[in-house]
Amino acid sequence: MKYFIDTHDKTKGSFPKEQLTEQQFFDNFDALDKAADQFGAFGHAAHVSLKEGKAFCFMSGPDEDSIRKAHAAINFPYDSITEVRRVTGADMRIPLPAEAQKHKAR
């Protein structure tokens, strides 16, 4: 399973122009998660500013195409989909020798 962040921005046309309520956003995210299931993907969470009309969704799936198809299934545009690695704060705090850091960054 791979992890992805997808972005939405009202100024770029990828977030609804009208002011959404929290419930409307929750309904949209639930619809995305339901659609994602059809493609082997899952919506874990979203960070959203309803005031600014921006959202950053954290999803997982077999590939970027599964995330793209989930969005298309509910006609929800996005600006970008980026594959990311999940890293916890603990992973970032363990000091590594310089040579090990080079290999880990790959």
C-alpha atoms as a PDB file:
ATOM      1  CA  MET A   1       0.000   0.000   0.000  1.00  0.00           C
ATOM      2  CA  LYS A   2       1.265   3.478  -0.880  1.00  0.00           C
ATOM      3  CA  TYR A   3       0.373   6.816   0.730  1.00  0.00           C
ATOM      4  CA  PHE A   4      -0.683   9.982  -1.096  1.00  0.00           C
ATOM      5  CA  ILE A   5      -1.494  13.616  -0.368  1.00  0.00           C
ATOM      6  CA  ASP A   6      -3.913  15.261  -2.764  1.00  0.00           C
ATOM      7  CA  THR A   7      -4.539  18.988  -2.769  1.00  0.00           C
ATOM      8  CA  HIS A   8      -7.598  21.135  -3.434  1.00  0.00           C
ATOM      9  CA  ASP A   9      -7.705  24.934  -3.682  1.00  0.00           C
ATOM     10  CA  LYS A  10     -10.697  27.178  -4.369  1.00  0.00           C
ATOM     11  CA  THR A  11      -8.491  29.730  -6.164  1.00  0.00           C
ATOM     12  CA  LYS A  12      -7.489  27.011  -8.645  1.00  0.00           C
ATOM     13  CA  GLY A  13     -11.006  25.624  -9.153  1.00  0.00           C
ATOM     14  CA  SER A  14     -10.427  22.371  -7.290  1.00  0.00           C
ATOM     15  CA  PHE A  15     -12.496  23.218  -4.203  1.00  0.00           C
ATOM     16  CA  PRO A  16     -16.166  24.316  -4.253  1.00  0.00           C
ATOM     17  CA  LYS A  17     -16.545  28.070  -4.762  1.00  0.00           C
ATOM     18  CA  GLU A  18     -19.395  28.388  -2.277  1.00  0.00           C
ATOM     19  CA  GLN A  19     -18.602  28.423   1.434  1.00  0.00           C
ATOM     20  CA  LEU A  20     -18.994  24.849   2.717  1.00  0.00           C
ATOM     21  CA  THR A  21     -20.222  23.930   6.154  1.00  0.00           C
ATOM     22  CA  GLU A  22     -18.302  21.333   8.124  1.00  0.00           C
ATOM     23  CA  GLN A  23     -21.093  18.838   7.476  1.00  0.00           C
ATOM     24  CA  GLN A  24     -20.936  19.450   3.724  1.00  0.00           C
ATOM     25  CA  PHE A  25     -17.187  18.867   3.774  1.00  0.00           C
ATOM     26  CA  PHE A  26     -17.626  15.697   5.835  1.00  0.00           C
ATOM     27  CA  ASP A  27     -20.230  14.480   3.329  1.00  0.00           C
ATOM     28  CA  ASN A  28     -17.844  15.145   0.416  1.00  0.00           C
ATOM     29  CA  PHE A  29     -14.975  13.375   2.171  1.00  0.00           C
ATOM     30  CA  ASP A  30     -17.230  10.408   3.013  1.00  0.00           C
ATOM     31  CA  ALA A  31     -18.274  10.209  -0.654  1.00  0.00           C
ATOM     32  CA  LEU A  32     -14.602  10.259  -1.698  1.00  0.00           C
ATOM     33  CA  ASP A  33     -13.783   7.494   0.777  1.00  0.00           C
ATOM     34  CA  LYS A  34     -16.710   5.390  -0.455  1.00  0.00           C
ATOM     35  CA  ALA A  35     -15.624   5.864  -4.079  1.00  0.00           C
ATOM     36  CA  ALA A  36     -12.015   5.075  -3.139  1.00  0.00           C
ATOM     37  CA  ASP A  37     -13.064   1.664  -1.855  1.00  0.00           C
ATOM     38  CA  GLN A  38     -14.052   0.690  -5.412  1.00  0.00           C
ATOM     39  CA  PHE A  39     -10.430   1.179  -6.474  1.00  0.00           C
ATOM     40  CA  GLY A  40      -8.687  -0.397  -3.482  1.00  0.00           C
ATOM     41  CA  ALA A  41      -7.941   2.992  -1.915  1.00  0.00           C
ATOM     42  CA  PHE A  42      -8.834   4.575   1.425  1.00  0.00           C
ATOM     43  CA  GLY A  43      -9.264   8.144   2.727  1.00  0.00           C
ATOM     44  CA  HIS A  44      -7.444   8.373   6.049  1.00  0.00           C
ATOM     45  CA  ALA A  45      -7.838  12.048   6.874  1.00  0.00           C
ATOM     46  CA  ALA A  46      -8.083  15.572   5.547  1.00  0.00           C
ATOM     47  CA  HIS A  47      -6.662  18.859   6.727  1.00  0.00           C
ATOM     48  CA  VAL A  48      -8.997  21.604   5.612  1.00  0.00           C
ATOM     49  CA  SER A  49      -9.531  25.348   5.856  1.00  0.00           C
ATOM     50  CA  LEU A  50     -13.158  25.968   4.960  1.00  0.00           C
ATOM     51  CA  LYS A  51     -12.540  29.708   5.232  1.00  0.00           C
ATOM     52  CA  GLU A  52      -9.670  29.594   2.712  1.00  0.00           C
ATOM     53  CA  GLY A  53     -11.249  26.869   0.558  1.00  0.00           C
ATOM     54  CA  LYS A  54      -8.256  24.539   0.740  1.00  0.00           C
ATOM     55  CA  ALA A  55      -7.907  20.877   1.614  1.00  0.00           C
ATOM     56  CA  PHE A  56      -5.078  18.389   1.879  1.00  0.00           C
ATOM     57  CA  CYS A  57      -6.301  14.794   1.864  1.00  0.00           C
ATOM     58  CA  PHE A  58      -4.222  11.884   3.148  1.00  0.00           C
ATOM     59  CA  MET A  59      -5.101   8.697   1.279  1.00  0.00           C
ATOM     60  CA  SER A  60      -3.654   5.282   0.585  1.00  0.00           C
ATOM     61  CA  GLY A  61      -4.010   2.954  -2.343  1.00  0.00           C
ATOM     62  CA  PRO A  62      -2.151   0.616  -4.651  1.00  0.00           C
ATOM     63  CA  ASP A  63      -1.098   3.478  -6.961  1.00  0.00           C
ATOM     64  CA  GLU A  64      -1.741   7.098  -7.911  1.00  0.00           C
ATOM     65  CA  ASP A  65      -4.301   5.996 -10.486  1.00  0.00           C
ATOM     66  CA  SER A  66      -6.545   4.576  -7.745  1.00  0.00           C
ATOM     67  CA  ILE A  67      -6.599   7.990  -6.038  1.00  0.00           C
ATOM     68  CA  ARG A  68      -7.267   9.735  -9.351  1.00  0.00           C
ATOM     69  CA  LYS A  69     -10.153   7.377 -10.166  1.00  0.00           C
ATOM     70  CA  ALA A  70     -11.737   7.894  -6.722  1.00  0.00           C
ATOM     71  CA  HIS A  71     -11.793  11.652  -7.293  1.00  0.00           C
ATOM     72  CA  ALA A  72     -13.167  11.238 -10.824  1.00  0.00           C
ATOM     73  CA  ALA A  73     -15.937   8.932  -9.565  1.00  0.00           C
ATOM     74  CA  ILE A  74     -17.441  11.773  -7.514  1.00  0.00           C
ATOM     75  CA  ASN A  75     -16.417  14.557  -9.914  1.00  0.00           C
ATOM     76  CA  PHE A  76     -14.073  16.102  -7.328  1.00  0.00           C
ATOM     77  CA  PRO A  77     -11.147  17.882  -9.027  1.00  0.00           C
ATOM     78  CA  TYR A  78      -7.704  18.149  -7.433  1.00  0.00           C
ATOM     79  CA  ASP A  79      -4.565  20.172  -8.061  1.00  0.00           C
ATOM     80  CA  SER A  80      -2.022  17.479  -7.391  1.00  0.00           C
ATOM     81  CA  ILE A  81      -1.592  13.960  -6.110  1.00  0.00           C
ATOM     82  CA  THR A  82       1.786  13.248  -4.552  1.00  0.00           C
ATOM     83  CA  GLU A  83       3.051   9.907  -3.308  1.00  0.00           C
ATOM     84  CA  VAL A  84       4.522  10.369   0.167  1.00  0.00           C
ATOM     85  CA  ARG A  85       6.222   8.220   2.768  1.00  0.00           C
ATOM     86  CA  ARG A  86       4.692   8.122   6.193  1.00  0.00           C
ATOM     87  CA  VAL A  87       7.219   9.245   8.775  1.00  0.00           C
ATOM     88  CA  THR A  88       6.599   9.705  12.460  1.00  0.00           C
ATOM     89  CA  GLY A  89       8.302  12.185  14.725  1.00  0.00           C
ATOM     90  CA  ALA A  90      10.239   9.341  16.294  1.00  0.00           C
ATOM     91  CA  ASP A  91      11.743   8.436  12.911  1.00  0.00           C
ATOM     92  CA  MET A  92      13.017  11.976  12.499  1.00  0.00           C
ATOM     93  CA  ARG A  93      14.590  12.172  15.972  1.00  0.00           C
ATOM     94  CA  ILE A  94      16.922   9.182  15.841  1.00  0.00           C
ATOM     95  CA  PRO A  95      20.354  10.532  14.863  1.00  0.00           C
ATOM     96  CA  LEU A  96      21.979   8.570  12.078  1.00  0.00           C
ATOM     97  CA  PRO A  97      25.562   8.655  10.832  1.00  0.00           C
ATOM     98  CA  ALA A  98      25.911  10.764   7.664  1.00  0.00           C
ATOM     99  CA  GLU A  99      26.384   7.691   5.411  1.00  0.00           C
ATOM    100  CA  ALA A 100      23.213   6.008   6.726  1.00  0.00           C
ATOM    101  CA  GLN A 101      21.228   9.209   6.150  1.00  0.00           C
ATOM    102  CA  LYS A 102      22.248   9.204   2.475  1.00  0.00           C
ATOM    103  CA  HIS A 103      20.904   5.663   2.019  1.00  0.00           C
ATOM    104  CA  LYS A 104      17.699   6.312   3.985  1.00  0.00           C
ATOM    105  CA  ALA A 105      16.817   9.382   1.900  1.00  0.00           C
ATOM    106  CA  ARG A 106      16.536   7.279  -1.259  1.00  0.00           C
END
